[in-house]
Amino acid sequence: QVQLVESGGGLVQAGGSLKLSCAASRITWRFSTMGWYRQAPGKQRELVATITSAGARNYADSVKGRFTISRDNTKVTYLQMNSLKVEDTAVYYCMRRSEIDGVANWGEGTLVTVSS
């Protein structure tokens, strides 16, 4: 069973930085696209960023230039978040999608709160 465990969330002031981590297990790393999504209170879950096994990155317009997604060979995916805004407050979810059959798996989420 795929496991995705997020960490690194917390409370930060606007303009600050946080780095999220997602540790994956029981997956074929080289055939997995990894991503971060977020869900703010009362809103739908939305894409933040994805990175393919080949390293191609995609970002939501709202985070371009501020957030950076990366991954390493220990099956950990990161989201470096800089210049945080109050509107970045949300539960952030790690996602893994198989590049073979498209099946997606989700972590339980980590809360990021940005105060003004």
C-alpha atoms as a PDB file:
ATOM      1  CA  GLN A   1       0.000   0.000   0.000  1.00  0.00           C
ATOM      2  CA  VAL A   2       1.345   3.411  -1.031  1.00  0.00           C
ATOM      3  CA  GLN A   3       2.267   5.680   1.844  1.00  0.00           C
ATOM      4  CA  LEU A   4       2.813   9.424   1.596  1.00  0.00           C
ATOM      5  CA  VAL A   5       3.745  11.253   4.786  1.00  0.00           C
ATOM      6  CA  GLU A   6       3.890  15.039   4.791  1.00  0.00           C
ATOM      7  CA  SER A   7       5.780  17.187   7.260  1.00  0.00           C
ATOM      8  CA  GLY A   8       6.958  20.750   7.667  1.00  0.00           C
ATOM      9  CA  GLY A   9       3.704  22.627   8.031  1.00  0.00           C
ATOM     10  CA  GLY A  10       3.158  25.232  10.694  1.00  0.00           C
ATOM     11  CA  LEU A  11       2.508  28.865  11.474  1.00  0.00           C
ATOM     12  CA  VAL A  12       4.516  31.564   9.757  1.00  0.00           C
ATOM     13  CA  GLN A  13       4.179  35.298   9.271  1.00  0.00           C
ATOM     14  CA  ALA A  14       3.451  36.772   5.887  1.00  0.00           C
ATOM     15  CA  GLY A  15       6.651  37.159   3.907  1.00  0.00           C
ATOM     16  CA  GLY A  16       8.241  34.186   5.627  1.00  0.00           C
ATOM     17  CA  SER A  17       9.255  30.766   4.345  1.00  0.00           C
ATOM     18  CA  LEU A  18       8.451  27.125   4.995  1.00  0.00           C
ATOM     19  CA  LYS A  19       9.665  23.903   3.453  1.00  0.00           C
ATOM     20  CA  LEU A  20       7.331  20.953   3.189  1.00  0.00           C
ATOM     21  CA  SER A  21       8.499  17.375   2.777  1.00  0.00           C
ATOM     22  CA  CYS A  22       6.684  14.293   1.547  1.00  0.00           C
ATOM     23  CA  ALA A  23       8.236  10.902   2.206  1.00  0.00           C
ATOM     24  CA  ALA A  24       6.925   8.172  -0.063  1.00  0.00           C
ATOM     25  CA  SER A  25       7.099   4.450   0.354  1.00  0.00           C
ATOM     26  CA  ARG A  26       5.887   1.369  -1.516  1.00  0.00           C
ATOM     27  CA  ILE A  27       5.987   3.139  -4.869  1.00  0.00           C
ATOM     28  CA  THR A  28       8.039   2.835  -8.033  1.00  0.00           C
ATOM     29  CA  TRP A  29       9.820   6.154  -7.798  1.00  0.00           C
ATOM     30  CA  ARG A  30      11.075   6.319 -11.359  1.00  0.00           C
ATOM     31  CA  PHE A  31       7.519   6.029 -12.748  1.00  0.00           C
ATOM     32  CA  SER A  32       5.871   8.498 -10.411  1.00  0.00           C
ATOM     33  CA  THR A  33       4.832  12.100 -10.866  1.00  0.00           C
ATOM     34  CA  MET A  34       4.795  13.832  -7.509  1.00  0.00           C
ATOM     35  CA  GLY A  35       2.846  16.907  -6.598  1.00  0.00           C
ATOM     36  CA  TRP A  36       1.494  19.251  -3.999  1.00  0.00           C
ATOM     37  CA  TYR A  37      -2.097  20.361  -3.785  1.00  0.00           C
ATOM     38  CA  ARG A  38      -3.806  22.550  -1.225  1.00  0.00           C
ATOM     39  CA  GLN A  39      -7.267  23.116   0.153  1.00  0.00           C
ATOM     40  CA  ALA A  40      -8.234  26.288   1.948  1.00  0.00           C
ATOM     41  CA  PRO A  41     -11.296  26.421   4.212  1.00  0.00           C
ATOM     42  CA  GLY A  42     -14.457  26.495   2.152  1.00  0.00           C
ATOM     43  CA  LYS A  43     -12.613  26.002  -1.116  1.00  0.00           C
ATOM     44  CA  GLN A  44     -11.883  23.122  -3.455  1.00  0.00           C
ATOM     45  CA  ARG A  45      -8.566  21.372  -3.520  1.00  0.00           C
ATOM     46  CA  GLU A  46      -6.259  22.985  -6.074  1.00  0.00           C
ATOM     47  CA  LEU A  47      -2.993  22.230  -7.761  1.00  0.00           C
ATOM     48  CA  VAL A  48       0.107  23.904  -6.357  1.00  0.00           C
ATOM     49  CA  ALA A  49       2.936  22.186  -8.210  1.00  0.00           C
ATOM     50  CA  THR A  50       3.921  18.913  -9.833  1.00  0.00           C
ATOM     51  CA  ILE A  51       7.187  17.325 -10.890  1.00  0.00           C
ATOM     52  CA  THR A  52       7.515  14.347 -13.191  1.00  0.00           C
ATOM     53  CA  SER A  53      10.036  11.548 -12.924  1.00  0.00           C
ATOM     54  CA  ALA A  54      11.994  13.336 -15.666  1.00  0.00           C
ATOM     55  CA  GLY A  55      12.062  16.518 -13.618  1.00  0.00           C
ATOM     56  CA  ALA A  56       9.524  18.569 -15.563  1.00  0.00           C
ATOM     57  CA  ARG A  57       7.814  21.048 -13.267  1.00  0.00           C
ATOM     58  CA  ASN A  58       4.424  22.690 -13.386  1.00  0.00           C
ATOM     59  CA  TYR A  59       3.179  25.448 -11.080  1.00  0.00           C
ATOM     60  CA  ALA A  60      -0.073  27.181 -10.381  1.00  0.00           C
ATOM     61  CA  ASP A  61       0.091  30.816 -11.507  1.00  0.00           C
ATOM     62  CA  SER A  62      -0.526  31.950  -7.937  1.00  0.00           C
ATOM     63  CA  VAL A  63       2.736  30.428  -6.678  1.00  0.00           C
ATOM     64  CA  LYS A  64       5.086  30.892  -9.647  1.00  0.00           C
ATOM     65  CA  GLY A  65       8.279  32.605  -8.606  1.00  0.00           C
ATOM     66  CA  ARG A  66       7.624  31.959  -4.925  1.00  0.00           C
ATOM     67  CA  PHE A  67       7.386  28.162  -4.572  1.00  0.00           C
ATOM     68  CA  THR A  68       9.794  25.504  -5.786  1.00  0.00           C
ATOM     69  CA  ILE A  69       9.075  21.794  -6.031  1.00  0.00           C
ATOM     70  CA  SER A  70      11.899  19.265  -6.018  1.00  0.00           C
ATOM     71  CA  ARG A  71      12.507  15.585  -5.461  1.00  0.00           C
ATOM     72  CA  ASP A  72      15.463  13.395  -4.606  1.00  0.00           C
ATOM     73  CA  ASN A  73      16.456   9.748  -4.892  1.00  0.00           C
ATOM     74  CA  THR A  74      15.410   8.921  -1.350  1.00  0.00           C
ATOM     75  CA  LYS A  75      11.746   9.176  -2.426  1.00  0.00           C
ATOM     76  CA  VAL A  76      11.227  12.541  -0.802  1.00  0.00           C
ATOM     77  CA  THR A  77       9.461  15.428  -2.491  1.00  0.00           C
ATOM     78  CA  TYR A  78       9.880  18.980  -1.258  1.00  0.00           C
ATOM     79  CA  LEU A  79       7.986  22.216  -1.582  1.00  0.00           C
ATOM     80  CA  GLN A  80      10.021  25.297  -0.733  1.00  0.00           C
ATOM     81  CA  MET A  81       7.628  28.153  -0.084  1.00  0.00           C
ATOM     82  CA  ASN A  82       8.982  31.692   0.038  1.00  0.00           C
ATOM     83  CA  SER A  83       7.296  35.082   0.302  1.00  0.00           C
ATOM     84  CA  LEU A  84       4.278  33.448   1.853  1.00  0.00           C
ATOM     85  CA  LYS A  85       0.963  35.277   1.757  1.00  0.00           C
ATOM     86  CA  VAL A  86      -2.074  35.026   3.972  1.00  0.00           C
ATOM     87  CA  GLU A  87      -3.933  33.490   1.050  1.00  0.00           C
ATOM     88  CA  ASP A  88      -1.470  30.586   1.006  1.00  0.00           C
ATOM     89  CA  THR A  89      -3.082  29.350   4.220  1.00  0.00           C
ATOM     90  CA  ALA A  90      -4.394  25.848   3.569  1.00  0.00           C
ATOM     91  CA  VAL A  91      -3.934  22.175   4.186  1.00  0.00           C
ATOM     92  CA  TYR A  92      -1.228  21.006   1.804  1.00  0.00           C
ATOM     93  CA  TYR A  93      -1.475  17.501   0.400  1.00  0.00           C
ATOM     94  CA  CYS A  94       1.190  15.398  -1.204  1.00  0.00           C
ATOM     95  CA  MET A  95       0.081  13.520  -4.317  1.00  0.00           C
ATOM     96  CA  ARG A  96       1.671  10.748  -6.264  1.00  0.00           C
ATOM     97  CA  ARG A  97       0.420   9.734  -9.709  1.00  0.00           C
ATOM     98  CA  SER A  98       1.641   6.655 -11.504  1.00  0.00           C
ATOM     99  CA  GLU A  99       3.018   7.472 -14.954  1.00  0.00           C
ATOM    100  CA  ILE A 100       2.020   3.976 -16.030  1.00  0.00           C
ATOM    101  CA  ASP A 101      -1.662   3.727 -15.178  1.00  0.00           C
ATOM    102  CA  GLY A 102      -2.532   7.203 -13.880  1.00  0.00           C
ATOM    103  CA  VAL A 103      -3.616   6.034 -10.443  1.00  0.00           C
ATOM    104  CA  ALA A 104      -3.231   8.764  -7.836  1.00  0.00           C
ATOM    105  CA  ASN A 105      -2.528   8.470  -4.119  1.00  0.00           C
ATOM    106  CA  TRP A 106      -2.740  11.122  -1.443  1.00  0.00           C
ATOM    107  CA  GLY A 107      -1.181  11.919   1.866  1.00  0.00           C
ATOM    108  CA  GLU A 108      -3.182  13.062   4.861  1.00  0.00           C
ATOM    109  CA  GLY A 109      -2.060  16.677   4.579  1.00  0.00           C
ATOM    110  CA  THR A 110      -0.153  19.211   6.621  1.00  0.00           C
ATOM    111  CA  LEU A 111      -1.541  22.554   7.715  1.00  0.00           C
ATOM    112  CA  VAL A 112       0.166  25.778   6.697  1.00  0.00           C
ATOM    113  CA  THR A 113      -1.081  28.947   8.360  1.00  0.00           C
ATOM    114  CA  VAL A 114       0.215  32.335   7.258  1.00  0.00           C
ATOM    115  CA  SER A 115      -0.555  35.217   9.593  1.00  0.00           C
ATOM    116  CA  SER A 116      -0.648  38.885   8.683  1.00  0.00           C
END
